[in-house]
Protein backbone atom coordinates (compact mmCIF):
# COMPACT_ATOMS: atom_id res chain seq x y z
CA MET A 1 30.08 -33.59 -16.84
CA ASN A 2 28.07 -32.90 -13.75
CA ASN A 3 27.85 -36.24 -11.97
CA GLN A 4 24.99 -34.58 -9.39
CA ARG A 5 22.65 -33.84 -12.38
CA ILE A 6 23.18 -37.62 -13.19
CA TYR A 7 22.47 -38.77 -10.04
CA ALA A 8 19.33 -36.73 -9.54
CA MET A 9 18.24 -37.98 -12.87
CA SER A 10 15.02 -40.44 -12.08
CA VAL A 11 15.53 -44.13 -13.18
CA ALA A 12 12.29 -43.85 -14.64
CA SER A 13 13.16 -41.11 -17.36
CA VAL A 14 16.03 -43.60 -18.67
CA TYR A 15 14.40 -46.93 -18.20
CA PRO A 16 12.49 -46.34 -21.45
CA LEU A 17 15.58 -45.88 -23.38
CA TYR A 18 17.05 -49.01 -21.87
CA ILE A 19 13.96 -50.81 -23.03
CA ALA A 20 14.03 -48.97 -26.61
CA LYS A 21 17.64 -50.21 -27.05
CA ALA A 22 17.29 -53.56 -26.00
CA GLU A 23 13.95 -54.22 -28.16
CA LYS A 24 15.72 -52.54 -31.22
CA LYS A 25 17.81 -55.30 -31.16
CA GLY A 26 15.13 -57.98 -30.79
CA ARG A 27 15.61 -58.34 -26.96
CA THR A 28 12.69 -57.63 -24.37
CA LYS A 29 11.43 -55.54 -21.52
CA ALA A 30 11.54 -58.83 -19.35
CA GLU A 31 15.23 -58.99 -20.05
CA VAL A 32 15.97 -55.33 -19.33
CA ASP A 33 14.10 -56.03 -15.66
CA GLU A 34 16.03 -58.94 -14.93
CA ILE A 35 19.25 -57.48 -15.30
CA ILE A 36 18.39 -54.66 -13.22
CA ARG A 37 16.97 -57.13 -10.37
CA TRP A 38 19.97 -59.13 -10.66
CA LEU A 39 22.24 -55.99 -10.32
CA THR A 40 20.48 -54.35 -7.48
CA GLY A 41 18.49 -57.01 -5.69
CA TYR A 42 15.15 -55.40 -6.01
CA SER A 43 11.84 -57.22 -6.48
CA GLN A 44 9.84 -56.61 -9.50
CA GLU A 45 7.37 -54.95 -7.39
CA GLU A 46 10.02 -52.87 -5.51
CA PHE A 47 11.54 -51.91 -8.74
CA GLU A 48 8.09 -50.60 -10.16
CA ALA A 49 7.62 -48.89 -6.96
CA GLU A 50 10.96 -46.88 -7.52
CA LEU A 51 9.97 -46.00 -11.13
CA GLU A 52 6.44 -44.76 -9.84
CA ASN A 53 8.16 -42.71 -7.32
CA GLN A 54 10.62 -41.21 -9.79
CA THR A 55 13.66 -41.97 -7.69
CA GLY A 56 17.19 -40.83 -8.77
CA PHE A 57 19.81 -42.97 -9.76
CA GLU A 58 21.83 -41.96 -6.48
CA ALA A 59 18.87 -42.83 -4.20
CA PHE A 60 18.09 -45.89 -6.28
CA PHE A 61 21.45 -47.51 -5.97
CA LEU A 62 22.01 -46.30 -2.16
CA LYS A 63 18.68 -47.89 -1.50
CA ALA A 64 19.11 -51.22 -3.42
CA PRO A 65 18.37 -54.33 -1.39
CA LYS A 66 21.44 -56.32 -2.24
CA LEU A 67 24.03 -54.91 -4.87
CA ASN A 68 25.22 -58.28 -6.73
CA PRO A 69 28.73 -59.09 -5.79
CA SER A 70 29.26 -60.62 -9.02
CA ARG A 71 28.98 -57.05 -10.60
CA SER A 72 32.60 -56.62 -10.07
CA LEU A 73 33.43 -59.14 -12.92
CA ILE A 74 31.69 -56.44 -15.34
CA LYS A 75 34.65 -55.22 -17.40
CA GLY A 76 35.02 -53.07 -20.54
CA LEU A 77 34.29 -49.77 -22.14
CA ILE A 78 31.31 -47.80 -21.66
CA CYS A 79 31.02 -44.39 -23.28
CA GLY A 80 35.05 -44.67 -24.01
CA ILE A 81 35.82 -45.32 -20.10
CA ARG A 82 36.92 -48.69 -18.67
CA VAL A 83 33.70 -49.23 -16.22
CA GLU A 84 36.38 -51.17 -14.13
CA GLU A 85 38.24 -47.96 -13.38
CA ILE A 86 35.44 -45.74 -12.42
CA GLU A 87 36.49 -44.72 -8.95
CA GLU A 88 33.13 -42.78 -7.80
CA PRO A 89 30.87 -45.71 -6.58
CA THR A 90 27.95 -44.28 -7.70
CA MET A 91 28.84 -43.60 -11.21
CA ARG A 92 30.32 -46.91 -11.42
CA GLU A 93 26.98 -48.72 -10.23
CA ILE A 94 25.41 -46.56 -13.15
CA ARG A 95 27.91 -47.66 -15.70
CA TYR A 96 27.69 -51.27 -14.67
CA LEU A 97 23.83 -50.94 -15.54
CA ASP A 98 24.64 -49.22 -18.93
CA LYS A 99 27.34 -51.79 -19.91
CA LEU A 100 24.91 -54.60 -18.88
CA ILE A 101 22.29 -53.17 -21.26
CA ASP A 102 24.80 -52.73 -24.04
CA GLU A 103 25.66 -56.37 -23.67
CA LEU A 104 22.03 -57.24 -23.94
CA ALA A 105 21.59 -55.29 -27.00
CA LYS A 106 24.81 -56.74 -28.46
CA GLY A 107 23.01 -60.46 -28.34
CA LYS A 108 24.97 -61.73 -25.33
CA THR A 109 23.26 -64.35 -23.87
CA MET A 110 21.60 -63.73 -20.38
CA GLU A 111 23.74 -66.34 -18.75
CA LYS A 112 27.09 -64.33 -19.85
CA ILE A 113 25.44 -60.83 -19.12
CA LEU A 114 24.52 -62.11 -15.55
CA ARG A 115 28.12 -63.57 -15.07
CA LYS A 116 27.00 -67.14 -14.42
């Protein structure tokens, strides 16, 4: 798989899929937004501006105000790959987000998802 293609993909193009996945399992857009803010340090306004600007994943994570230090506690499989073993930093950040959205859809409490 070509990582550059994924890195250039806008967060805004994938965001509705995150919401749909969560809502299909009875979760909310607000919970998806909370996860993204927790992971990246963006405020809601900053996050919405990045969506509007069609920011790609690579730039989105590079510009993140404060990546949460607790994200290193995220473990497990995503797309058959152990997230904690992904060496490429940007891909690891993207997969952290994927894993958190998966946990939300699987019914984990927000407290557990946000590693509190």
